[in-house]
Protein backbone atom coordinates (compact mmCIF):
# COMPACT_ATOMS: atom_id res chain seq x y z
CA MET A 1 -3.39 55.19 -226.41
CA LYS A 2 -2.18 53.33 -229.51
CA PHE A 3 1.13 52.53 -227.78
CA LEU A 4 -0.66 51.28 -224.66
CA ARG A 5 -3.06 49.17 -226.72
CA ASN A 6 -0.23 47.61 -228.71
CA THR A 7 1.80 46.95 -225.55
CA PHE A 8 -1.18 45.28 -223.90
CA ALA A 9 -1.81 43.23 -227.05
CA PHE A 10 1.82 42.13 -227.17
CA LEU A 11 1.74 41.05 -223.52
CA LEU A 12 -1.46 39.14 -224.23
CA ILE A 13 0.14 36.89 -226.88
CA PRO A 14 1.40 34.22 -224.40
CA ALA A 15 -2.08 34.00 -222.87
CA ILE A 16 -3.64 33.55 -226.33
CA CYS A 17 -1.14 30.79 -227.14
CA ALA A 18 -1.82 29.00 -223.84
CA ALA A 19 -5.61 29.31 -224.14
CA GLY A 20 -5.57 28.27 -227.80
CA TYR A 21 -3.38 25.27 -226.98
CA THR A 22 -5.77 24.24 -224.21
CA LEU A 23 -8.83 24.52 -226.43
CA VAL A 24 -7.23 22.58 -229.31
CA LYS A 25 -5.93 19.87 -226.95
CA LYS A 26 -9.33 19.46 -225.29
CA PHE A 27 -11.08 19.38 -228.64
CA LEU A 28 -8.70 16.81 -230.12
CA TYR A 29 -9.07 14.60 -227.05
CA PHE A 30 -12.83 14.93 -227.29
CA THR A 31 -12.72 14.08 -231.02
CA VAL A 32 -10.79 10.86 -230.41
CA SER A 33 -12.95 9.73 -227.47
CA ALA A 34 -16.34 10.70 -228.92
CA GLY A 35 -16.41 8.02 -231.62
CA SER A 36 -19.01 8.37 -234.36
CA LEU A 37 -21.56 10.33 -232.32
CA TYR A 38 -20.48 13.72 -233.67
CA VAL A 39 -19.74 12.72 -237.27
CA PRO A 40 -22.49 15.10 -238.58
CA PHE A 41 -20.49 18.03 -237.16
CA TRP A 42 -17.40 17.09 -239.17
CA ILE A 43 -19.52 16.40 -242.26
CA GLY A 44 -20.94 19.92 -241.90
CA ILE A 45 -17.45 21.43 -241.79
CA LEU A 46 -16.35 19.43 -244.83
CA CYS A 47 -19.51 20.20 -246.79
CA TYR A 48 -19.02 23.94 -246.47
CA ILE A 49 -15.37 23.71 -247.54
CA VAL A 50 -16.37 21.67 -250.62
CA PHE A 51 -19.26 24.06 -251.31
CA GLN A 52 -16.98 27.11 -251.29
CA ILE A 53 -14.28 25.46 -253.41
CA VAL A 54 -16.62 23.90 -255.98
CA PHE A 55 -19.31 26.56 -256.21
CA TYR A 56 -18.66 30.04 -254.82
CA LYS A 57 -18.13 32.19 -251.76
CA PRO A 58 -21.58 33.22 -250.44
CA MET A 59 -20.40 36.78 -249.88
CA ARG A 60 -23.85 38.37 -249.83
CA THR A 61 -24.87 36.08 -246.97
CA TYR A 62 -21.62 36.81 -245.16
CA ILE A 63 -21.93 40.58 -245.69
CA PHE A 64 -25.47 40.55 -244.32
CA GLY A 65 -24.28 38.72 -241.20
CA HIS A 66 -21.25 41.02 -240.98
CA GLU A 67 -23.32 44.20 -240.98
CA LEU A 68 -26.01 42.67 -238.77
CA SER A 69 -23.28 41.85 -236.21
CA HIS A 70 -22.25 45.53 -236.22
CA ALA A 71 -25.89 46.49 -235.71
CA ILE A 72 -26.59 44.00 -232.91
CA ALA A 73 -23.38 44.96 -231.08
CA GLY A 74 -24.41 48.61 -231.47
CA ILE A 75 -27.90 48.02 -230.08
CA LEU A 76 -26.47 46.07 -227.13
CA SER A 77 -24.11 49.01 -226.52
CA GLY A 78 -26.99 51.50 -226.49
CA ALA A 79 -26.47 52.89 -229.98
CA LYS A 80 -29.22 53.50 -232.53
CA ILE A 81 -29.16 52.42 -236.16
CA LYS A 82 -29.26 55.38 -238.55
CA LYS A 83 -28.64 53.47 -241.79
CA PHE A 84 -28.33 49.83 -242.89
CA LYS A 85 -27.17 49.17 -246.44
CA LEU A 86 -26.51 45.83 -248.12
CA GLY A 87 -25.00 45.37 -251.57
CA ALA A 88 -23.81 42.42 -253.65
CA GLU A 89 -20.15 42.99 -252.74
CA SER A 90 -20.26 45.33 -249.75
CA GLY A 91 -22.46 46.75 -247.04
CA SER A 92 -22.51 49.36 -244.33
CA VAL A 93 -24.29 50.27 -241.13
CA VAL A 94 -24.29 53.73 -239.57
CA LEU A 95 -24.76 53.93 -235.81
CA THR A 96 -25.05 56.82 -233.40
CA GLU A 97 -21.94 55.69 -231.50
CA ASP A 98 -18.99 53.35 -231.85
CA ASN A 99 -16.63 51.28 -229.69
CA ILE A 100 -14.25 48.37 -230.12
CA TRP A 101 -17.03 45.83 -229.49
CA ILE A 102 -19.15 47.31 -232.30
CA THR A 103 -16.23 47.72 -234.71
CA LEU A 104 -14.81 44.20 -234.40
CA ALA A 105 -17.96 42.20 -233.60
CA PRO A 106 -18.31 40.57 -237.06
CA TYR A 107 -14.82 39.06 -236.84
CA PHE A 108 -15.39 37.20 -233.59
CA PHE A 109 -19.18 36.81 -233.49
CA PRO A 110 -20.28 33.80 -235.62
CA ILE A 111 -23.79 35.17 -235.93
CA TYR A 112 -25.30 32.28 -237.88
CA THR A 113 -23.89 29.70 -235.47
CA ILE A 114 -25.24 31.65 -232.50
CA ALA A 115 -28.63 31.87 -234.25
CA ILE A 116 -28.68 28.07 -234.82
CA ILE A 117 -27.84 27.40 -231.17
CA GLY A 118 -30.47 29.90 -230.03
CA ILE A 119 -33.20 28.41 -232.21
CA TYR A 120 -32.34 24.85 -231.14
CA VAL A 121 -32.39 25.75 -227.44
CA LEU A 122 -35.62 27.73 -227.84
CA LEU A 123 -37.38 24.87 -229.62
CA GLY A 124 -36.12 22.51 -226.91
CA TRP A 125 -38.18 24.42 -224.35
CA PHE A 126 -41.42 23.53 -226.14
CA THR A 127 -40.85 20.11 -227.66
CA ASP A 128 -38.53 17.10 -227.72
CA ILE A 129 -36.00 17.78 -230.51
CA LYS A 130 -33.42 15.13 -229.70
CA GLN A 131 -34.19 13.38 -232.99
CA PHE A 132 -32.90 16.46 -234.80
CA TYR A 133 -29.59 16.57 -232.92
CA SER A 134 -27.57 15.22 -235.87
CA TYR A 135 -28.99 17.94 -238.13
CA TYR A 136 -28.18 20.50 -235.45
CA LEU A 137 -24.56 19.29 -235.32
CA PHE A 138 -24.33 19.42 -239.11
CA LEU A 139 -25.54 23.04 -239.17
CA ILE A 140 -23.13 23.98 -236.35
CA GLY A 141 -20.20 22.53 -238.31
CA PHE A 142 -21.36 24.10 -241.58
CA SER A 143 -21.85 27.56 -240.05
CA ILE A 144 -18.57 27.46 -238.08
CA SER A 145 -16.70 26.55 -241.26
CA PHE A 146 -18.52 29.37 -243.06
CA HIS A 147 -17.52 31.88 -240.39
CA ILE A 148 -13.85 30.84 -240.25
CA ALA A 149 -13.35 30.58 -244.02
CA LEU A 150 -14.97 33.88 -244.94
CA THR A 151 -13.57 35.77 -241.95
CA MET A 152 -10.07 34.68 -242.98
CA TYR A 153 -10.85 35.71 -246.57
CA ILE A 154 -12.24 39.11 -245.61
CA LEU A 155 -9.26 39.76 -243.31
CA SER A 156 -6.91 39.07 -246.24
CA ILE A 157 -8.45 42.14 -247.88
CA GLU A 158 -7.72 45.56 -246.42
CA GLN A 159 -10.36 46.23 -243.77
CA PRO A 160 -11.02 49.78 -242.49
CA ASP A 161 -12.48 48.29 -239.28
CA LEU A 162 -9.04 47.07 -238.20
CA LYS A 163 -7.45 50.49 -238.57
CA VAL A 164 -9.80 52.16 -236.08
CA TYR A 165 -8.01 50.69 -233.05
CA GLY A 166 -4.82 49.62 -234.83
CA THR A 167 -4.34 46.52 -236.96
CA PHE A 168 -2.06 44.67 -234.51
CA PHE A 169 -4.31 45.30 -231.52
CA SER A 170 -7.40 44.39 -233.54
CA TYR A 171 -5.95 41.05 -234.64
CA ILE A 172 -5.04 40.17 -231.05
CA ALA A 173 -8.53 41.14 -229.88
CA ILE A 174 -10.12 39.06 -232.65
CA LEU A 175 -8.02 36.00 -231.75
CA THR A 176 -8.76 36.36 -228.04
CA VAL A 177 -12.53 36.65 -228.38
CA ASN A 178 -12.70 33.92 -231.04
CA ILE A 179 -11.04 31.48 -228.62
CA ILE A 180 -13.59 32.39 -225.95
CA ALA A 181 -16.49 32.22 -228.43
CA PHE A 182 -15.48 28.82 -229.83
CA ALA A 183 -15.04 27.41 -226.32
CA LEU A 184 -18.57 28.52 -225.46
CA ILE A 185 -19.97 27.17 -228.74
CA ALA A 186 -18.22 23.81 -228.24
CA SER A 187 -19.64 23.49 -224.74
CA SER A 188 -23.12 24.32 -226.09
CA ALA A 189 -22.95 21.91 -229.04
CA PHE A 190 -21.27 19.04 -227.17
CA VAL A 191 -22.75 19.65 -223.76
CA ASP A 192 -22.31 16.03 -222.61
CA ASP A 193 -18.60 15.84 -223.46
CA ILE A 194 -17.10 19.34 -223.11
CA ASP A 195 -17.29 21.06 -219.73
CA ILE A 196 -16.66 24.78 -220.18
CA LYS A 197 -15.60 25.13 -216.53
CA ASP A 198 -12.97 22.44 -217.03
CA VAL A 199 -11.71 24.20 -220.17
CA TRP A 200 -11.43 27.54 -218.35
CA LEU A 201 -9.60 26.01 -215.38
CA HIS A 202 -7.06 24.25 -217.60
CA ALA A 203 -6.61 27.38 -219.73
CA TYR A 204 -6.08 29.49 -216.59
CA ASP A 205 -3.51 27.00 -215.29
CA ASN A 206 -1.62 26.97 -218.60
CA ILE A 207 -1.68 30.77 -218.79
CA LEU A 208 -0.18 31.04 -215.31
CA LYS A 209 2.50 28.51 -216.22
CA ILE A 210 3.57 30.28 -219.40
CA TYR A 211 3.78 33.71 -217.72
CA LYS A 212 5.72 32.19 -214.81
CA PHE A 213 8.11 30.56 -217.30
CA LEU A 214 8.59 33.86 -219.15
CA TYR A 215 9.06 35.81 -215.90
CA ILE A 216 11.76 33.41 -214.67
CA GLY A 217 13.46 33.46 -218.07
CA VAL A 218 13.49 37.26 -218.30
CA LEU A 219 14.67 37.55 -214.68
CA GLU A 220 17.57 35.15 -215.31
CA ILE A 221 18.59 37.07 -218.44
CA TRP A 222 18.47 40.35 -216.51
CA LEU A 223 20.54 38.98 -213.61
CA THR A 224 23.08 37.54 -216.04
CA PHE A 225 23.29 40.87 -217.81
CA GLN A 226 23.80 42.70 -214.50
CA LYS A 227 26.68 40.35 -213.55
CA THR A 228 28.48 40.96 -216.85
CA ARG A 229 28.40 44.75 -216.54
């Protein structure tokens, strides 16, 4: 199974590159064309970076979200929580069952960002909250920056979670789902300017193109090799 997982992960790399390229390109185009409307989002990103550099890494907050992500993924998978422990530098959650979704959820599930979006949407059902949109964008940027910075930091330390399904496969899975998650978050935060359907269609087109290019290249190499034998 490890060999099959690693093979699948390796074959998935071109798709990740194509999808990531599409998302970055769309986001950069959106950034240039949006003007000053979404400045609070970028201020939020910058503020967290400055906060972490000048003050400290809010590890306890991250660890709580990390373990809560394990727990939520477990509940959604039908598991029951047997133990939830939170410390200053580490935490743990014991569930009745495990799978790849539960194991890797904290690395691709920006729980605080999802919570902010959920609260904003929920409040929007009961009252007009358009006047708070700039604060909403600031919190989205701040929480996204928090998730990326501390996830990268925690992955730089040896993580037992990654060894369960293999480190290489886990990294590929984390990259894949993060691209999907950030595309969905972007379409939720910038609903008037980013069309998730358009992003998916362009990503799908680019993925097909890169695999077609690789197939033709490999086929030509194989035919050339056969002729020289």
